Amino acid sequence: DASQADLFYVPLYTACAILPVYDYVGPGPYGNGYPMRPVTAMRMVVDAVDQIRAAHPYWDRNGGRDHVFLLAHDEGGCWAPEAVAKNSIILSHWGRKDATPSS
């Protein structure tokens, strides 16, 4: 019973999709100069959140705080869209959220 769930795992595998498919949804809206790999991965995350919100009431119930994302591509959560980075739980091998770490 999903209404009793404490957490929702979002089975989204950005690391598997971005290399063979690359820009599967067309040109990115982010302008020139942005690397396509993380942009494509994050567009995939945005699409997933949109689908979740359209099909189920659980995202809006807690603003996504009870949703878990695995972001295993190289940049991890650095490029996570605000809807995910702000509230959701991100599992990543990369322990930072900034794309250009200085340490």
C-alpha atoms as a PDB file:
ATOM      1  CA  ASP A   1       0.000   0.000   0.000  1.00  0.00           C
ATOM      2  CA  ALA A   2       1.814   3.081  -1.267  1.00  0.00           C
ATOM      3  CA  SER A   3      -0.095   5.388   1.060  1.00  0.00           C
ATOM      4  CA  GLN A   4       1.703   3.707   3.984  1.00  0.00           C
ATOM      5  CA  ALA A   5       5.209   3.939   2.476  1.00  0.00           C
ATOM      6  CA  ASP A   6       7.938   5.868   4.261  1.00  0.00           C
ATOM      7  CA  LEU A   7      10.133   6.138   1.155  1.00  0.00           C
ATOM      8  CA  PHE A   8       9.728   5.823  -2.603  1.00  0.00           C
ATOM      9  CA  TYR A   9      12.691   4.646  -4.676  1.00  0.00           C
ATOM     10  CA  VAL A  10      12.647   6.124  -8.167  1.00  0.00           C
ATOM     11  CA  PRO A  11      14.131   3.430 -10.460  1.00  0.00           C
ATOM     12  CA  LEU A  12      15.907   5.787 -12.806  1.00  0.00           C
ATOM     13  CA  TYR A  13      19.312   4.812 -14.149  1.00  0.00           C
ATOM     14  CA  THR A  14      20.793   7.937 -15.680  1.00  0.00           C
ATOM     15  CA  ALA A  15      24.284   6.433 -15.900  1.00  0.00           C
ATOM     16  CA  CYS A  16      23.000   3.644 -18.150  1.00  0.00           C
ATOM     17  CA  ALA A  17      21.014   5.907 -20.456  1.00  0.00           C
ATOM     18  CA  ILE A  18      23.256   8.871 -21.119  1.00  0.00           C
ATOM     19  CA  LEU A  19      26.094   7.157 -22.929  1.00  0.00           C
ATOM     20  CA  PRO A  20      24.273   4.939 -25.451  1.00  0.00           C
ATOM     21  CA  VAL A  21      21.314   7.277 -25.926  1.00  0.00           C
ATOM     22  CA  TYR A  22      23.125  10.584 -25.257  1.00  0.00           C
ATOM     23  CA  ASP A  23      20.522  13.260 -26.034  1.00  0.00           C
ATOM     24  CA  TYR A  24      17.436  11.091 -26.303  1.00  0.00           C
ATOM     25  CA  VAL A  25      14.945  13.947 -25.966  1.00  0.00           C
ATOM     26  CA  GLY A  26      16.396  16.424 -28.434  1.00  0.00           C
ATOM     27  CA  PRO A  27      18.492  19.560 -28.027  1.00  0.00           C
ATOM     28  CA  GLY A  28      18.924  20.829 -24.486  1.00  0.00           C
ATOM     29  CA  PRO A  29      17.272  24.115 -23.461  1.00  0.00           C
ATOM     30  CA  TYR A  30      20.321  25.219 -21.467  1.00  0.00           C
ATOM     31  CA  GLY A  31      22.222  27.124 -24.135  1.00  0.00           C
ATOM     32  CA  ASN A  32      25.623  26.527 -25.640  1.00  0.00           C
ATOM     33  CA  GLY A  33      28.636  25.510 -23.620  1.00  0.00           C
ATOM     34  CA  TYR A  34      26.968  23.065 -21.229  1.00  0.00           C
ATOM     35  CA  PRO A  35      28.141  19.439 -21.375  1.00  0.00           C
ATOM     36  CA  MET A  36      25.430  17.245 -22.849  1.00  0.00           C
ATOM     37  CA  ARG A  37      25.993  14.199 -20.616  1.00  0.00           C
ATOM     38  CA  PRO A  38      24.839  15.714 -17.295  1.00  0.00           C
ATOM     39  CA  VAL A  39      22.244  17.894 -19.008  1.00  0.00           C
ATOM     40  CA  THR A  40      20.713  14.827 -20.656  1.00  0.00           C
ATOM     41  CA  ALA A  41      20.774  12.905 -17.366  1.00  0.00           C
ATOM     42  CA  MET A  42      19.034  15.714 -15.525  1.00  0.00           C
ATOM     43  CA  ARG A  43      16.432  16.158 -18.251  1.00  0.00           C
ATOM     44  CA  MET A  44      15.687  12.479 -17.683  1.00  0.00           C
ATOM     45  CA  VAL A  45      15.233  13.190 -13.946  1.00  0.00           C
ATOM     46  CA  VAL A  46      12.938  16.156 -14.667  1.00  0.00           C
ATOM     47  CA  ASP A  47      10.848  13.973 -17.005  1.00  0.00           C
ATOM     48  CA  ALA A  48      10.598  11.297 -14.301  1.00  0.00           C
ATOM     49  CA  VAL A  49       9.454  13.800 -11.663  1.00  0.00           C
ATOM     50  CA  ASP A  50       6.852  15.159 -14.092  1.00  0.00           C
ATOM     51  CA  GLN A  51       5.565  11.620 -14.744  1.00  0.00           C
ATOM     52  CA  ILE A  52       5.493  10.785 -11.034  1.00  0.00           C
ATOM     53  CA  ARG A  53       3.546  13.954 -10.228  1.00  0.00           C
ATOM     54  CA  ALA A  54       1.074  13.327 -13.057  1.00  0.00           C
ATOM     55  CA  ALA A  55       0.394   9.697 -12.111  1.00  0.00           C
ATOM     56  CA  HIS A  56       0.635   9.626  -8.295  1.00  0.00           C
ATOM     57  CA  PRO A  57      -0.194  11.950  -5.381  1.00  0.00           C
ATOM     58  CA  TYR A  58       2.835  10.994  -3.286  1.00  0.00           C
ATOM     59  CA  TRP A  59       5.413  13.500  -4.564  1.00  0.00           C
ATOM     60  CA  ASP A  60       3.233  16.464  -3.682  1.00  0.00           C
ATOM     61  CA  ARG A  61       2.302  14.979  -0.306  1.00  0.00           C
ATOM     62  CA  ASN A  62       5.794  15.750   1.060  1.00  0.00           C
ATOM     63  CA  GLY A  63       7.365  17.821  -1.685  1.00  0.00           C
ATOM     64  CA  GLY A  64       9.530  14.897  -2.800  1.00  0.00           C
ATOM     65  CA  ARG A  65      11.251  14.537   0.594  1.00  0.00           C
ATOM     66  CA  ASP A  66      10.317  10.856   0.738  1.00  0.00           C
ATOM     67  CA  HIS A  67      11.675  10.030  -2.735  1.00  0.00           C
ATOM     68  CA  VAL A  68      15.086   8.427  -3.267  1.00  0.00           C
ATOM     69  CA  PHE A  69      17.124   8.890  -6.465  1.00  0.00           C
ATOM     70  CA  LEU A  70      20.278   7.028  -7.489  1.00  0.00           C
ATOM     71  CA  LEU A  71      22.417   9.449  -9.517  1.00  0.00           C
ATOM     72  CA  ALA A  72      25.375   7.245 -10.397  1.00  0.00           C
ATOM     73  CA  HIS A  73      26.671   9.051 -13.465  1.00  0.00           C
ATOM     74  CA  ASP A  74      30.009  10.828 -13.069  1.00  0.00           C
ATOM     75  CA  GLU A  75      28.612  14.180 -11.933  1.00  0.00           C
ATOM     76  CA  GLY A  76      26.245  12.610  -9.424  1.00  0.00           C
ATOM     77  CA  GLY A  77      23.994  15.202  -7.817  1.00  0.00           C
ATOM     78  CA  CYS A  78      25.975  18.226  -9.051  1.00  0.00           C
ATOM     79  CA  TRP A  79      23.435  18.932 -11.771  1.00  0.00           C
ATOM     80  CA  ALA A  80      20.352  17.668  -9.925  1.00  0.00           C
ATOM     81  CA  PRO A  81      17.284  19.742 -10.781  1.00  0.00           C
ATOM     82  CA  GLU A  82      16.011  21.924  -7.957  1.00  0.00           C
ATOM     83  CA  ALA A  83      12.898  19.783  -7.436  1.00  0.00           C
ATOM     84  CA  VAL A  84      15.174  16.851  -6.533  1.00  0.00           C
ATOM     85  CA  ALA A  85      18.209  18.593  -5.010  1.00  0.00           C
ATOM     86  CA  LYS A  86      16.131  20.698  -2.635  1.00  0.00           C
ATOM     87  CA  ASN A  87      14.219  17.927  -0.864  1.00  0.00           C
ATOM     88  CA  SER A  88      14.821  14.422  -2.172  1.00  0.00           C
ATOM     89  CA  ILE A  89      17.332  11.851  -0.994  1.00  0.00           C
ATOM     90  CA  ILE A  90      20.181  11.462  -3.494  1.00  0.00           C
ATOM     91  CA  LEU A  91      22.378   8.370  -3.526  1.00  0.00           C
ATOM     92  CA  SER A  92      25.635   9.112  -5.313  1.00  0.00           C
ATOM     93  CA  HIS A  93      29.274   8.098  -5.356  1.00  0.00           C
ATOM     94  CA  TRP A  94      30.177  11.799  -5.701  1.00  0.00           C
ATOM     95  CA  GLY A  95      29.922  13.449  -2.296  1.00  0.00           C
ATOM     96  CA  ARG A  96      29.459  17.013  -3.477  1.00  0.00           C
ATOM     97  CA  LYS A  97      26.656  19.017  -5.023  1.00  0.00           C
ATOM     98  CA  ASP A  98      28.817  21.624  -6.759  1.00  0.00           C
ATOM     99  CA  ALA A  99      29.990  20.934 -10.292  1.00  0.00           C
ATOM    100  CA  THR A 100      33.388  22.611  -9.895  1.00  0.00           C
ATOM    101  CA  PRO A 101      34.857  21.563  -6.547  1.00  0.00           C
ATOM    102  CA  SER A 102      37.934  23.389  -5.313  1.00  0.00           C
ATOM    103  CA  SER A 103      38.950  20.869  -2.674  1.00  0.00           C
END
